Amino acid sequence: MLEKLDYIKLKPARLLDVGSGTGWGTRQLSERYPAAEIIALDIAIGMLQVARGTAGWWRKLFAGRRERFLCADVEALPITSNSVEMVWSNLAMQWCNDLPATFSELNRVIKAEGLLMFSTFGPDTLQELRAAFHGVDGYNHLNRFADMHDIGDMLVAAGFADPVMEMEKLTLTYADAKAVMQDLRDIGAHNATAGRAPGMMGKAAWQRIVENYEKLRRDGKLPATFEIIYGHAWKPAPKAAADGRAIIRTDFKL
């Protein structure tokens, strides 16, 4: 995602990092936009504590005044309307309960002609694990992730313009099913398992899942596919002033 910013001319004065986690992206954004105030937002206070704790003394000294850490829900942001030039979110949108409402809330806080850039999981994410779970019990163990085209429609409905959507699939390999689940926990993607966690189901059911997954083993490894959707869209300038008068934009070239 960071490479995609190379093609963006916008230099935000205030930037919101949604789902900042341990702060890796926040640090990268701070280096790219050294003059910007950056708000690192995460719903998990523990993540924000890690983000603040991993910042070296030199960052706390030189970037401390520009970086803010905010524990809040992206679906109800405690941020003033029209107050940030850019919203950045790397693999966080998929955990939102109401994605259309989330996009509307982000549109509210972004200034006119500001940018939303994000990545999220697509519907083919963990397709192998989904197949292994299928038919084992009556629970839906995996989240259903939105399709790229549906996300584009949501952006337009929320008031954004010119959405650009891209997708790529990454396949990681693991020694066994337990390693897959452990990696999901390590990267914060364990929320993808929406039903009962494997540790809470019976041993017989979990063994069936393992056996199903084993059928997909290739070259000695178990695959786990992640469909990554990348998107960005702009908040258009208003067509009318607050008093109802039309705004006519003119660009003169001399």
Protein backbone atom coordinates (compact mmCIF):
# COMPACT_ATOMS: atom_id res chain seq x y z
CA MET A 1 0.00 0.00 0.00
CA LEU A 2 2.79 2.44 0.79
CA GLU A 3 4.05 2.20 -2.79
CA LYS A 4 0.66 3.37 -4.04
CA LEU A 5 1.21 6.68 -2.25
CA ASP A 6 4.05 7.39 -4.69
CA TYR A 7 1.39 8.30 -7.25
CA ILE A 8 -0.62 10.54 -4.91
CA LYS A 9 0.25 14.24 -5.02
CA LEU A 10 -1.76 15.12 -1.91
CA LYS A 11 0.40 16.20 1.06
CA PRO A 12 -1.91 15.93 4.07
CA ALA A 13 -1.56 18.24 7.03
CA ARG A 14 -3.64 15.86 9.16
CA LEU A 15 -3.87 12.11 8.56
CA LEU A 16 -5.91 9.37 10.24
CA ASP A 17 -4.50 5.83 10.43
CA VAL A 18 -7.52 3.58 11.06
CA GLY A 19 -6.76 0.25 12.69
CA SER A 20 -3.18 1.31 13.39
CA GLY A 21 -2.38 -1.82 15.41
CA THR A 22 1.18 -1.89 16.68
CA GLY A 23 2.00 1.30 14.80
CA TRP A 24 4.12 0.03 11.91
CA GLY A 25 2.05 1.90 9.33
CA THR A 26 1.89 4.99 11.51
CA ARG A 27 5.68 5.14 11.62
CA GLN A 28 5.94 4.71 7.86
CA LEU A 29 3.40 7.47 7.27
CA SER A 30 5.18 9.76 9.70
CA GLU A 31 8.40 9.34 7.75
CA ARG A 32 6.65 9.93 4.43
CA TYR A 33 4.78 13.01 5.67
CA PRO A 34 7.13 14.60 8.24
CA ALA A 35 5.05 17.77 8.55
CA ALA A 36 1.70 16.03 9.06
CA GLU A 37 -0.17 15.43 12.29
CA ILE A 38 -0.98 11.71 12.36
CA ILE A 39 -3.76 10.18 14.45
CA ALA A 40 -3.22 6.47 15.12
CA LEU A 41 -6.66 5.00 15.84
CA ASP A 42 -7.39 1.50 17.09
CA ILE A 43 -10.28 -0.01 19.05
CA ALA A 44 -7.83 -2.09 21.12
CA ILE A 45 -6.08 -0.08 23.84
CA GLY A 46 -3.44 -2.80 24.09
CA MET A 47 -2.41 -2.26 20.48
CA LEU A 48 -2.02 1.48 21.05
CA GLN A 49 0.07 0.85 24.15
CA VAL A 50 2.37 -1.36 22.09
CA ALA A 51 2.54 1.31 19.36
CA ARG A 52 3.57 3.97 21.85
CA GLY A 53 5.99 1.64 23.60
CA THR A 54 7.82 0.59 20.44
CA ALA A 55 8.56 4.17 19.42
CA GLY A 56 12.21 4.92 20.12
CA TRP A 57 13.26 7.86 22.28
CA TRP A 58 14.21 9.86 19.20
CA ARG A 59 10.73 9.37 17.72
CA LYS A 60 9.08 10.38 20.97
CA LEU A 61 11.26 13.49 21.00
CA PHE A 62 10.90 14.57 17.39
CA ALA A 63 7.58 13.05 16.31
CA GLY A 64 5.74 13.08 19.62
CA ARG A 65 4.04 16.37 18.91
CA ARG A 66 2.78 15.13 15.55
CA GLU A 67 1.58 11.65 16.50
CA ARG A 68 -1.61 11.13 18.48
CA PHE A 69 -2.97 7.81 19.74
CA LEU A 70 -6.75 7.44 19.93
CA CYS A 71 -8.72 4.45 21.22
CA ALA A 72 -12.08 4.56 19.45
CA ASP A 73 -14.48 2.75 17.13
CA VAL A 74 -14.17 3.70 13.46
CA GLU A 75 -17.95 3.44 13.14
CA ALA A 76 -18.38 6.31 15.65
CA LEU A 77 -15.33 8.55 15.37
CA PRO A 78 -14.77 11.22 18.05
CA ILE A 79 -13.27 13.44 15.36
CA THR A 80 -14.55 16.74 14.00
CA SER A 81 -16.21 16.69 10.58
CA ASN A 82 -14.10 17.81 7.62
CA SER A 83 -10.89 17.81 9.65
CA VAL A 84 -8.47 15.34 8.00
CA GLU A 85 -7.03 15.35 4.50
CA MET A 86 -6.32 11.64 4.32
CA VAL A 87 -7.57 8.43 5.90
CA TRP A 88 -5.30 5.40 5.66
CA SER A 89 -6.35 1.90 6.73
CA ASN A 90 -4.34 -1.27 6.18
CA LEU A 91 -6.27 -4.52 6.69
CA ALA A 92 -8.76 -3.23 9.25
CA MET A 93 -12.01 -2.59 7.36
CA GLN A 94 -12.87 -6.30 7.21
CA TRP A 95 -13.59 -6.33 10.95
CA CYS A 96 -16.20 -3.54 10.76
CA ASN A 97 -19.73 -4.66 11.58
CA ASP A 98 -21.31 -2.18 9.15
CA LEU A 99 -19.00 -1.33 6.26
CA PRO A 100 -21.38 1.13 4.51
CA ALA A 101 -21.81 3.04 7.79
CA THR A 102 -18.03 3.01 8.27
CA PHE A 103 -17.46 4.57 4.86
CA SER A 104 -20.09 7.23 5.61
CA GLU A 105 -18.36 8.05 8.90
CA LEU A 106 -14.99 8.33 7.18
CA ASN A 107 -16.52 10.57 4.53
CA ARG A 108 -17.78 12.81 7.34
CA VAL A 109 -14.33 13.43 8.84
CA ILE A 110 -12.45 13.81 5.54
CA LYS A 111 -12.15 17.29 4.08
CA ALA A 112 -13.40 18.05 0.59
CA GLU A 113 -10.90 16.80 -1.99
CA GLY A 114 -9.38 14.54 0.67
CA LEU A 115 -8.42 10.91 0.15
CA LEU A 116 -9.43 7.54 1.57
CA MET A 117 -6.92 4.74 0.94
CA PHE A 118 -7.35 1.25 2.36
CA SER A 119 -6.84 -2.46 2.01
CA THR A 120 -9.15 -5.21 3.22
CA PHE A 121 -9.79 -8.93 2.83
CA GLY A 122 -11.87 -10.20 -0.08
CA PRO A 123 -14.29 -13.17 -0.19
CA ASP A 124 -11.69 -15.78 -1.20
CA THR A 125 -9.65 -15.16 1.94
CA LEU A 126 -9.01 -18.42 3.83
CA GLN A 127 -10.97 -20.40 1.25
CA GLU A 128 -9.08 -23.58 2.18
CA LEU A 129 -9.92 -23.22 5.86
CA ARG A 130 -13.53 -22.48 4.95
CA ALA A 131 -13.67 -25.69 2.94
CA ALA A 132 -12.19 -27.63 5.86
CA PHE A 133 -14.83 -26.27 8.23
CA HIS A 134 -17.70 -26.92 5.82
CA GLY A 135 -20.18 -29.48 7.08
CA VAL A 136 -18.43 -30.16 10.40
CA ASP A 137 -21.12 -28.51 12.52
CA GLY A 138 -23.88 -25.92 12.23
CA TYR A 139 -21.69 -22.91 12.99
CA ASN A 140 -20.42 -20.34 10.52
CA HIS A 141 -16.80 -20.31 11.62
CA LEU A 142 -15.47 -17.78 9.12
CA ASN A 143 -16.47 -14.22 8.35
CA ARG A 144 -17.89 -13.40 4.94
CA PHE A 145 -15.81 -10.64 3.37
CA ALA A 146 -17.25 -8.13 0.90
CA ASP A 147 -16.59 -8.37 -2.83
CA MET A 148 -14.41 -5.72 -4.50
CA HIS A 149 -17.25 -4.47 -6.71
CA ASP A 150 -19.66 -4.24 -3.79
CA ILE A 151 -17.09 -2.19 -1.86
CA GLY A 152 -16.82 0.21 -4.79
CA ASP A 153 -20.60 0.66 -4.76
CA MET A 154 -20.51 1.29 -1.00
CA LEU A 155 -17.93 4.03 -1.47
CA VAL A 156 -20.08 5.83 -4.03
CA ALA A 157 -23.17 5.48 -1.83
CA ALA A 158 -21.20 6.99 1.07
CA GLY A 159 -20.40 10.10 -0.96
CA PHE A 160 -16.96 9.28 -2.36
CA ALA A 161 -16.03 9.79 -6.01
CA ASP A 162 -13.84 7.99 -8.51
CA PRO A 163 -13.21 4.81 -6.51
CA VAL A 164 -10.33 2.69 -7.78
CA MET A 165 -10.33 -0.97 -6.75
CA GLU A 166 -7.62 -3.59 -7.21
CA MET A 167 -7.16 -7.14 -5.98
CA GLU A 168 -4.38 -9.66 -5.54
CA LYS A 169 -4.22 -13.13 -4.02
CA LEU A 170 -1.43 -14.30 -1.77
CA THR A 171 -1.02 -17.94 -0.77
CA LEU A 172 0.95 -18.74 2.36
CA THR A 173 1.94 -22.29 3.31
CA TYR A 174 2.01 -23.98 6.70
CA ALA A 175 3.14 -27.21 8.29
CA ASP A 176 -0.28 -28.02 9.77
CA ALA A 177 -3.73 -26.59 10.60
CA LYS A 178 -2.61 -25.58 14.08
CA ALA A 179 0.10 -23.39 12.55
CA VAL A 180 -2.51 -21.70 10.36
CA MET A 181 -4.67 -20.81 13.36
CA GLN A 182 -1.65 -19.62 15.34
CA ASP A 183 -0.57 -17.34 12.50
CA LEU A 184 -4.07 -15.87 12.29
CA ARG A 185 -3.85 -15.01 15.98
CA ASP A 186 -0.36 -13.55 15.59
CA ILE A 187 -1.36 -11.20 12.77
CA GLY A 188 -4.61 -10.19 14.46
CA ALA A 189 -6.77 -12.03 11.92
CA HIS A 190 -8.23 -14.50 14.40
CA ASN A 191 -11.49 -12.51 14.19
CA ALA A 192 -11.94 -14.19 10.83
CA THR A 193 -13.18 -17.23 12.72
CA ALA A 194 -16.63 -15.98 13.64
CA GLY A 195 -18.14 -19.09 15.20
CA ARG A 196 -16.75 -21.16 18.03
CA ALA A 197 -12.97 -21.13 18.27
CA PRO A 198 -11.30 -24.51 17.62
CA GLY A 199 -10.28 -24.70 21.26
CA MET A 200 -13.95 -24.61 22.27
CA MET A 201 -15.22 -27.30 19.90
CA GLY A 202 -15.03 -30.99 20.57
CA LYS A 203 -11.89 -32.94 19.76
CA ALA A 204 -13.78 -35.05 17.23
CA ALA A 205 -15.01 -31.99 15.32
CA TRP A 206 -11.57 -30.40 15.29
CA GLN A 207 -10.05 -33.67 14.07
CA ARG A 208 -12.52 -33.71 11.16
CA ILE A 209 -11.46 -30.17 10.26
CA VAL A 210 -7.82 -31.21 10.33
CA GLU A 211 -8.57 -34.23 8.14
CA ASN A 212 -10.47 -32.06 5.65
CA TYR A 213 -7.63 -29.57 5.52
CA GLU A 214 -5.09 -32.34 5.01
CA LYS A 215 -6.80 -33.23 1.73
CA LEU A 216 -5.57 -29.87 0.41
CA ARG A 217 -1.91 -30.47 1.27
CA ARG A 218 0.42 -29.79 -1.66
CA ASP A 219 4.17 -30.35 -1.76
CA GLY A 220 4.15 -31.15 1.94
CA LYS A 221 2.48 -27.88 2.97
CA LEU A 222 -1.05 -26.65 3.72
CA PRO A 223 -2.09 -23.56 1.72
CA ALA A 224 -3.92 -20.52 3.08
CA THR A 225 -5.12 -17.98 0.53
CA PHE A 226 -5.58 -14.30 1.33
CA GLU A 227 -7.47 -12.15 -1.17
CA ILE A 228 -6.30 -8.58 -0.61
CA ILE A 229 -8.46 -5.76 -1.94
CA TYR A 230 -6.91 -2.31 -2.36
CA GLY A 231 -9.08 0.74 -2.77
CA HIS A 232 -8.91 4.50 -2.81
CA ALA A 233 -11.47 7.20 -3.43
CA TRP A 234 -11.75 10.97 -3.12
CA LYS A 235 -14.25 13.12 -1.30
CA PRO A 236 -15.50 15.55 -3.94
CA ALA A 237 -15.78 19.27 -3.41
CA PRO A 238 -19.32 20.39 -2.50
CA LYS A 239 -21.57 21.53 -5.33
CA ALA A 240 -23.44 24.01 -3.14
CA ALA A 241 -22.55 26.33 -0.27
CA ALA A 242 -24.11 25.97 3.17
CA ASP A 243 -26.69 28.64 2.27
CA GLY A 244 -27.73 26.73 -0.85
CA ARG A 245 -25.90 28.79 -3.45
CA ALA A 246 -24.32 26.75 -6.21
CA ILE A 247 -20.54 26.54 -6.35
CA ILE A 248 -19.16 26.85 -9.86
CA ARG A 249 -15.55 25.81 -10.22
CA THR A 250 -13.47 27.43 -12.92
CA ASP A 251 -9.93 26.56 -13.88
CA PHE A 252 -8.31 29.20 -16.06
CA LYS A 253 -5.18 28.43 -18.02
CA LEU A 254 -3.18 31.46 -19.13
